[in-house]
Amino acid sequence: MDKKRKKQAKQKFEVLQGEGRRFSFARLKQAFIFYVLLLLALVVIVQVAYHWLGEQFLSWRLQVVTAEQGVLEQRKDVSGLVTRQEKPIKAPDYGIVLDLAEPGQRVPVGKEVARLGIISRDQMQRLREESDESEEDASGELPSYRETKQIKNEEAGFLSDYLDGWEDYNGPYYLSEEELDEIEPEGTRTQKNDLVGRGEPLLKIVNNWQWYYNIILPLHPGRGIAESKNVELEFDFAPGEKIAAKLYHYEVDEEAREVRLTYLVEKQVPGFEKVRRADAGLLYSRERGIIIPEEAIFDRGGRSGVYLNQGGRVVFNPVTVTEIKDGKALVEGLEANSLVITRPDLVEEGQRLN
């Protein structure tokens, strides 16, 4: 190993001088062009970003919105009284209910709706006294009766077994809010084996195609609402269902400063025959047109108008306001897709925005 190292040590190595990197105008020209192009690209990017961000910031600061076609609805929550055309079917004599027709359906004239086992008045009183002492007869047997009578309805209509004492109230009838809060009638339902007296209502025939909703409103917005002859109602007992109604009657009481309105509903709604007091959403106006934020509108020299961004310049555009609701305004005189400035206090007419 030592001999090999001695031999390598005796060998002479020669270092060659390199030529190095020579200066080149061609390379300098290429580098110059590259950096110039890179700088131009950066300038373009900065300018695009500046304009884009500037426009975004300007739109945000001035809260610029696009005027669009839409529908503006006027709605008010109300409480009222439901009245109906109802005709009670009364028992012709003292008796025990042996059979009843199924309620909740429309029945024709002459249909048997109930059958009674006839008893005497004294027997009726005695049985009622006994039922007061004991809620349930231990034997479960019906008392004897001398004959049976069929009860047939005299006019077609919706058969209901819900009786609440308001059957004679038909058409316009108004109650104050305090009176409405007090009426929560607990209706009764006739059942088989019930004891009934002569002339007592068993069932009733209801006009399910015409019934009424009666409300009282302050002069404002009552007068304005009364101008709408056709409205939509969404009752609390039928949520999600908008029901068309017509203004049937209204009266203005200047002394009480209230407007009384009755709406006619010509549709059978599930559960309508069991309701007297009802809350509802009253949709009394629906108009289509250009809708913009209310704060965009201002007065200039006695004329309502808005500022628009037209090609980067602020332009005044007069408008006519037809409705305002929940911060939105329905206007005329403005084209769709106009860029509306909702902060008119921050600009002046003719001002350049870019």
Protein backbone atom coordinates (compact mmCIF):
# COMPACT_ATOMS: atom_id res chain seq x y z
CA MET A 1 0.00 0.00 0.00
CA ASP A 2 2.92 2.31 0.87
CA LYS A 3 4.63 1.60 -2.45
CA LYS A 4 1.51 2.62 -4.37
CA ARG A 5 1.26 5.91 -2.55
CA LYS A 6 4.97 6.67 -3.15
CA LYS A 7 4.50 6.00 -6.84
CA GLN A 8 1.50 8.34 -7.07
CA ALA A 9 3.47 11.03 -5.25
CA LYS A 10 6.21 10.97 -7.87
CA GLN A 11 3.68 11.60 -10.67
CA LYS A 12 3.38 15.26 -11.80
CA PHE A 13 0.02 16.81 -12.61
CA GLU A 14 -0.40 19.85 -14.79
CA VAL A 15 -3.12 22.43 -14.11
CA LEU A 16 -4.78 23.71 -17.30
CA GLN A 17 -5.91 27.33 -17.35
CA GLY A 18 -9.62 27.75 -18.23
CA GLU A 19 -10.85 30.34 -20.64
CA GLY A 20 -13.63 31.56 -18.23
CA ARG A 21 -17.03 33.05 -19.24
CA ARG A 22 -16.63 35.53 -22.01
CA PHE A 23 -18.73 38.70 -22.19
CA SER A 24 -21.61 38.36 -24.73
CA PHE A 25 -23.81 41.15 -26.13
CA ALA A 26 -26.31 38.56 -27.38
CA ARG A 27 -26.87 37.22 -23.88
CA LEU A 28 -27.18 40.75 -22.49
CA LYS A 29 -29.78 41.61 -25.13
CA GLN A 30 -31.80 38.49 -24.32
CA ALA A 31 -31.71 39.25 -20.61
CA PHE A 32 -32.73 42.85 -21.20
CA ILE A 33 -35.71 41.83 -23.34
CA PHE A 34 -36.74 39.21 -20.76
CA TYR A 35 -36.74 41.67 -17.87
CA VAL A 36 -38.48 44.34 -19.91
CA LEU A 37 -41.27 41.89 -20.82
CA LEU A 38 -41.50 40.75 -17.20
CA LEU A 39 -41.79 44.37 -16.06
CA LEU A 40 -44.49 45.09 -18.62
CA ALA A 41 -46.43 42.02 -17.51
CA LEU A 42 -46.21 43.16 -13.91
CA VAL A 43 -47.43 46.64 -14.90
CA VAL A 44 -50.41 45.15 -16.76
CA ILE A 45 -51.26 42.89 -13.81
CA VAL A 46 -51.02 45.79 -11.37
CA GLN A 47 -53.22 47.98 -13.58
CA VAL A 48 -55.86 45.27 -14.03
CA ALA A 49 -55.82 44.50 -10.32
CA TYR A 50 -56.00 48.21 -9.49
CA HIS A 51 -59.00 48.80 -11.73
CA TRP A 52 -60.76 45.62 -10.64
CA LEU A 53 -60.13 46.17 -6.94
CA GLY A 54 -60.90 49.86 -7.34
CA GLU A 55 -64.26 49.12 -8.96
CA GLN A 56 -65.04 46.52 -6.32
CA PHE A 57 -64.14 48.93 -3.54
CA LEU A 58 -66.15 51.72 -5.20
CA SER A 59 -69.19 49.45 -5.59
CA TRP A 60 -68.89 48.41 -1.97
CA ARG A 61 -68.45 51.99 -0.72
CA LEU A 62 -71.31 53.41 -2.80
CA GLN A 63 -73.35 50.19 -2.42
CA VAL A 64 -74.14 50.01 -6.12
CA VAL A 65 -76.97 47.59 -6.95
CA THR A 66 -78.61 46.48 -10.16
CA ALA A 67 -82.23 47.53 -10.62
CA GLU A 68 -84.28 44.39 -11.29
CA GLN A 69 -87.82 43.41 -12.14
CA GLY A 70 -89.62 41.95 -9.12
CA VAL A 71 -92.85 41.69 -7.15
CA LEU A 72 -93.57 43.84 -4.11
CA GLU A 73 -96.13 42.36 -1.72
CA GLN A 74 -98.09 44.23 0.93
CA ARG A 75 -99.05 41.97 3.84
CA LYS A 76 -100.55 42.51 7.29
CA ASP A 77 -101.13 40.10 10.17
CA VAL A 78 -104.73 40.26 11.39
CA SER A 79 -107.15 38.55 13.79
CA GLY A 80 -110.83 38.13 13.11
CA LEU A 81 -114.08 36.24 13.44
CA VAL A 82 -115.23 33.49 11.08
CA THR A 83 -118.96 33.43 10.34
CA ARG A 84 -120.79 30.95 8.17
CA GLN A 85 -124.23 30.15 6.76
CA GLU A 86 -125.26 27.34 9.10
CA LYS A 87 -128.58 25.63 9.68
CA PRO A 88 -128.89 23.45 12.80
CA ILE A 89 -130.71 20.15 12.47
CA LYS A 90 -132.81 19.87 15.62
CA ALA A 91 -134.27 16.88 17.39
CA PRO A 92 -138.03 16.55 16.69
CA ASP A 93 -138.67 14.93 20.07
CA TYR A 94 -137.03 13.70 23.28
CA GLY A 95 -134.87 10.75 22.58
CA ILE A 96 -131.66 8.78 22.45
CA VAL A 97 -129.31 9.08 19.49
CA LEU A 98 -129.22 5.66 17.89
CA ASP A 99 -127.34 6.50 14.71
CA LEU A 100 -125.57 9.44 13.06
CA ALA A 101 -124.41 10.09 9.52
CA GLU A 102 -120.66 10.55 9.08
CA PRO A 103 -119.86 14.29 9.41
CA GLY A 104 -117.28 16.11 7.28
CA GLN A 105 -118.95 15.44 3.93
CA ARG A 106 -121.47 17.14 1.69
CA VAL A 107 -124.92 15.56 1.83
CA PRO A 108 -127.91 15.92 -0.53
CA VAL A 109 -131.44 17.01 0.37
CA GLY A 110 -133.49 14.28 2.04
CA LYS A 111 -130.57 12.20 3.30
CA GLU A 112 -131.03 10.51 6.67
CA VAL A 113 -128.54 12.17 9.01
CA ALA A 114 -129.70 10.75 12.37
CA ARG A 115 -132.06 8.26 14.00
CA LEU A 116 -133.63 8.71 17.44
CA GLY A 117 -135.15 6.32 19.93
CA ILE A 118 -138.13 8.33 21.25
CA ILE A 119 -138.72 8.56 25.00
CA SER A 120 -140.96 10.66 27.22
CA ARG A 121 -139.98 13.98 28.74
CA ASP A 122 -140.10 12.54 32.26
CA GLN A 123 -137.91 9.62 31.25
CA MET A 124 -135.51 12.09 29.65
CA GLN A 125 -135.20 14.14 32.85
CA ARG A 126 -134.76 11.05 35.01
CA LEU A 127 -132.04 9.64 32.75
CA ARG A 128 -130.18 12.95 32.78
CA GLU A 129 -130.32 13.13 36.56
CA GLU A 130 -128.97 9.61 36.76
CA SER A 131 -126.20 10.41 34.29
CA ASP A 132 -125.19 13.39 36.46
CA GLU A 133 -124.78 11.06 39.44
CA SER A 134 -122.92 8.38 37.51
CA GLU A 135 -120.93 9.16 34.38
CA GLU A 136 -121.32 5.66 33.03
CA ASP A 137 -124.09 3.13 33.27
CA ALA A 138 -122.63 -0.03 34.80
CA SER A 139 -124.85 -2.27 32.70
CA GLY A 140 -123.96 -0.49 29.43
CA GLU A 141 -127.53 -1.10 28.20
CA LEU A 142 -129.60 1.54 26.44
CA PRO A 143 -132.85 2.64 28.12
CA SER A 144 -136.01 1.42 26.48
CA TYR A 145 -137.72 3.63 23.88
CA ARG A 146 -141.18 3.39 22.42
CA GLU A 147 -140.40 4.09 18.74
CA THR A 148 -137.70 5.37 16.38
CA LYS A 149 -137.68 8.42 14.18
CA GLN A 150 -135.55 9.19 11.16
CA ILE A 151 -134.18 12.72 10.80
CA LYS A 152 -133.53 13.94 7.27
CA ASN A 153 -131.88 17.17 6.26
CA GLU A 154 -133.94 19.70 4.34
CA GLU A 155 -131.15 21.30 2.29
CA ALA A 156 -127.88 20.20 0.75
CA GLY A 157 -124.62 21.21 2.34
CA PHE A 158 -121.62 20.25 4.41
CA LEU A 159 -122.60 18.09 7.38
CA SER A 160 -120.93 19.05 10.66
CA ASP A 161 -121.30 17.70 14.18
CA TYR A 162 -119.53 20.69 15.76
CA LEU A 163 -121.95 22.94 17.66
CA ASP A 164 -120.66 26.06 19.45
CA GLY A 165 -123.66 28.37 19.83
CA TRP A 166 -122.63 30.75 17.01
CA GLU A 167 -124.78 29.08 14.38
CA ASP A 168 -127.12 32.10 14.05
CA TYR A 169 -124.32 34.53 13.18
CA ASN A 170 -124.04 34.83 9.42
CA GLY A 171 -122.27 37.47 7.35
CA PRO A 172 -120.65 40.65 8.70
CA TYR A 173 -120.16 40.62 12.46
CA TYR A 174 -117.37 42.49 14.22
CA LEU A 175 -115.66 41.99 17.55
CA SER A 176 -112.91 44.08 19.11
CA GLU A 177 -109.53 42.54 19.86
CA GLU A 178 -110.48 42.21 23.54
CA GLU A 179 -113.77 40.53 22.64
CA LEU A 180 -111.98 38.19 20.24
CA ASP A 181 -109.58 37.16 23.01
CA GLU A 182 -112.53 36.26 25.22
CA ILE A 183 -114.30 34.01 22.73
CA GLU A 184 -112.78 30.59 22.67
CA PRO A 185 -116.01 28.60 22.33
CA GLU A 186 -115.71 25.01 23.34
CA GLY A 187 -117.98 23.33 20.87
CA THR A 188 -119.76 20.06 21.52
CA ARG A 189 -120.20 17.06 19.28
CA THR A 190 -123.26 14.85 19.25
CA GLN A 191 -122.45 11.16 19.64
CA LYS A 192 -124.34 7.91 19.61
CA ASN A 193 -126.28 7.14 22.82
CA ASP A 194 -126.49 10.84 23.72
CA LEU A 195 -129.73 12.08 25.26
CA VAL A 196 -131.32 15.00 23.41
CA GLY A 197 -134.29 17.18 24.19
CA ARG A 198 -136.96 18.34 21.80
CA GLY A 199 -135.65 21.24 19.71
CA GLU A 200 -132.00 20.71 20.69
CA PRO A 201 -129.50 20.81 17.79
CA LEU A 202 -128.00 17.49 16.78
CA LEU A 203 -126.00 18.42 13.70
CA LYS A 204 -125.82 21.32 11.29
CA ILE A 205 -125.66 21.93 7.56
CA VAL A 206 -122.92 24.38 6.60
CA ASN A 207 -122.52 26.28 3.34
CA ASN A 208 -118.97 25.18 2.54
CA TRP A 209 -118.75 27.29 -0.61
CA GLN A 210 -119.36 30.69 1.01
CA TRP A 211 -118.16 31.83 4.41
CA TYR A 212 -116.88 35.08 5.91
CA TYR A 213 -113.86 36.50 7.70
CA ASN A 214 -114.48 39.70 9.71
CA ILE A 215 -111.68 41.97 10.92
CA ILE A 216 -111.24 45.46 12.44
CA LEU A 217 -108.23 47.64 11.52
CA PRO A 218 -107.10 51.17 12.39
CA LEU A 219 -107.87 53.90 9.85
CA HIS A 220 -104.31 53.43 8.61
CA PRO A 221 -103.74 51.04 6.93
CA GLY A 222 -107.43 50.05 6.98
CA ARG A 223 -108.53 52.57 4.37
CA GLY A 224 -105.72 51.57 2.01
CA ILE A 225 -106.43 47.88 2.45
CA ALA A 226 -110.14 48.46 1.74
CA GLU A 227 -109.18 49.71 -1.72
CA SER A 228 -108.11 46.18 -2.68
CA LYS A 229 -111.21 44.23 -3.65
CA ASN A 230 -109.37 40.93 -4.04
CA VAL A 231 -106.90 39.67 -1.44
CA GLU A 232 -105.28 36.45 -0.27
CA LEU A 233 -105.58 35.01 3.24
CA GLU A 234 -103.29 32.53 4.94
CA PHE A 235 -105.09 31.24 8.06
CA ASP A 236 -103.35 29.85 11.10
CA PHE A 237 -105.51 26.70 10.87
CA ALA A 238 -104.35 26.13 7.26
CA PRO A 239 -100.69 27.21 7.24
CA GLY A 240 -98.95 27.43 3.89
CA GLU A 241 -102.20 27.70 1.91
CA LYS A 242 -103.02 31.07 0.36
CA ILE A 243 -106.78 31.42 -0.11
CA ALA A 244 -108.37 33.94 -2.46
CA ALA A 245 -111.03 36.18 -0.88
CA LYS A 246 -113.21 39.10 -1.99
CA LEU A 247 -114.10 42.23 -0.06
CA TYR A 248 -117.79 41.64 0.78
CA HIS A 249 -118.50 44.61 3.06
CA TYR A 250 -116.66 47.42 4.79
CA GLU A 251 -117.51 50.42 6.92
CA VAL A 252 -115.49 53.28 8.37
CA ASP A 253 -116.08 54.49 11.92
CA GLU A 254 -114.44 57.91 12.13
CA GLU A 255 -115.26 58.30 15.81
CA ALA A 256 -113.69 54.98 16.77
CA ARG A 257 -110.98 55.56 14.14
CA GLU A 258 -111.34 52.07 12.72
CA VAL A 259 -112.24 50.29 9.51
CA ARG A 260 -114.36 47.12 9.61
CA LEU A 261 -113.95 44.69 6.75
CA THR A 262 -115.66 41.43 5.81
CA TYR A 263 -114.11 39.09 3.25
CA LEU A 264 -116.03 36.41 1.40
CA VAL A 265 -114.21 33.10 0.98
CA GLU A 266 -115.56 30.76 -1.68
CA LYS A 267 -113.56 27.67 -0.97
CA GLN A 268 -113.77 24.79 1.47
CA VAL A 269 -110.67 24.76 3.66
CA PRO A 270 -109.97 21.78 5.95
CA GLY A 271 -111.05 22.64 9.49
CA PHE A 272 -112.93 25.83 8.57
CA GLU A 273 -116.19 24.56 10.12
CA LYS A 274 -114.63 24.28 13.61
CA VAL A 275 -113.05 27.75 13.76
CA ARG A 276 -114.51 31.02 15.05
CA ARG A 277 -111.52 33.14 16.05
CA ALA A 278 -108.68 32.95 13.52
CA ASP A 279 -105.37 34.69 12.92
CA ALA A 280 -104.33 35.23 9.31
CA GLY A 281 -101.82 36.89 7.05
CA LEU A 282 -103.66 39.31 4.77
CA LEU A 283 -101.93 39.81 1.41
CA TYR A 284 -103.70 42.83 -0.06
CA SER A 285 -101.32 44.06 -2.75
CA ARG A 286 -98.95 42.44 -5.23
CA GLU A 287 -97.37 44.69 -7.86
CA ARG A 288 -94.70 43.89 -10.42
CA GLY A 289 -92.09 46.40 -11.54
CA ILE A 290 -88.60 47.75 -10.91
CA ILE A 291 -87.56 47.31 -7.27
CA ILE A 292 -84.65 49.17 -5.65
CA PRO A 293 -83.55 49.88 -2.05
CA GLU A 294 -85.54 52.70 -0.47
CA GLU A 295 -82.38 54.52 0.71
CA ALA A 296 -81.29 55.06 -2.92
CA ILE A 297 -84.15 57.55 -3.46
CA PHE A 298 -83.67 61.20 -2.57
CA ASP A 299 -85.34 64.49 -3.33
CA ARG A 300 -83.74 67.05 -5.63
CA GLY A 301 -85.61 70.25 -6.27
CA GLY A 302 -88.95 68.68 -5.37
CA ARG A 303 -88.38 65.69 -7.66
CA SER A 304 -87.66 62.16 -6.45
CA GLY A 305 -84.82 60.38 -8.17
CA VAL A 306 -81.71 58.23 -7.90
CA TYR A 307 -78.07 58.47 -8.93
CA LEU A 308 -76.88 55.98 -11.53
CA ASN A 309 -73.43 54.82 -12.51
CA GLN A 310 -73.50 55.24 -16.28
CA GLY A 311 -70.17 54.40 -17.85
CA GLY A 312 -68.27 55.53 -14.80
CA ARG A 313 -70.09 58.87 -14.48
CA VAL A 314 -72.76 59.81 -11.91
CA VAL A 315 -76.09 60.63 -13.59
CA PHE A 316 -79.35 61.75 -11.94
CA ASN A 317 -82.42 59.74 -12.97
CA PRO A 318 -85.89 60.95 -11.85
CA VAL A 319 -88.29 58.21 -10.68
CA THR A 320 -91.89 57.89 -9.46
CA VAL A 321 -92.33 55.85 -6.29
CA THR A 322 -95.49 53.72 -6.35
CA GLU A 323 -95.00 51.50 -3.27
CA ILE A 324 -92.59 51.17 -0.35
CA LYS A 325 -92.42 48.04 1.82
CA ASP A 326 -89.77 46.73 4.22
CA GLY A 327 -87.02 49.00 2.88
CA LYS A 328 -87.79 48.24 -0.77
CA ALA A 329 -89.35 50.64 -3.25
CA LEU A 330 -91.33 49.94 -6.41
CA VAL A 331 -90.52 52.71 -8.90
CA GLU A 332 -91.40 53.85 -12.41
CA GLY A 333 -89.08 55.64 -14.83
CA LEU A 334 -86.05 53.40 -14.30
CA GLU A 335 -84.78 50.81 -16.77
CA ALA A 336 -83.97 47.28 -15.67
CA ASN A 337 -80.27 46.51 -15.07
CA SER A 338 -79.46 50.16 -14.28
CA LEU A 339 -76.60 50.54 -11.78
CA VAL A 340 -78.18 52.37 -8.85
CA ILE A 341 -76.05 54.12 -6.21
CA THR A 342 -77.68 53.55 -2.83
CA ARG A 343 -75.41 56.06 -1.06
CA PRO A 344 -76.29 59.23 -2.96
CA ASP A 345 -74.80 61.39 -0.18
CA LEU A 346 -71.28 60.27 -1.19
CA VAL A 347 -71.39 61.45 -4.83
CA GLU A 348 -72.41 64.38 -6.99
CA GLU A 349 -73.97 64.50 -10.42
CA GLY A 350 -71.34 64.42 -13.17
CA GLN A 351 -68.64 62.97 -10.92
CA ARG A 352 -66.24 60.52 -12.54
CA LEU A 353 -66.03 57.20 -10.72
CA ASN A 354 -63.00 55.76 -12.52
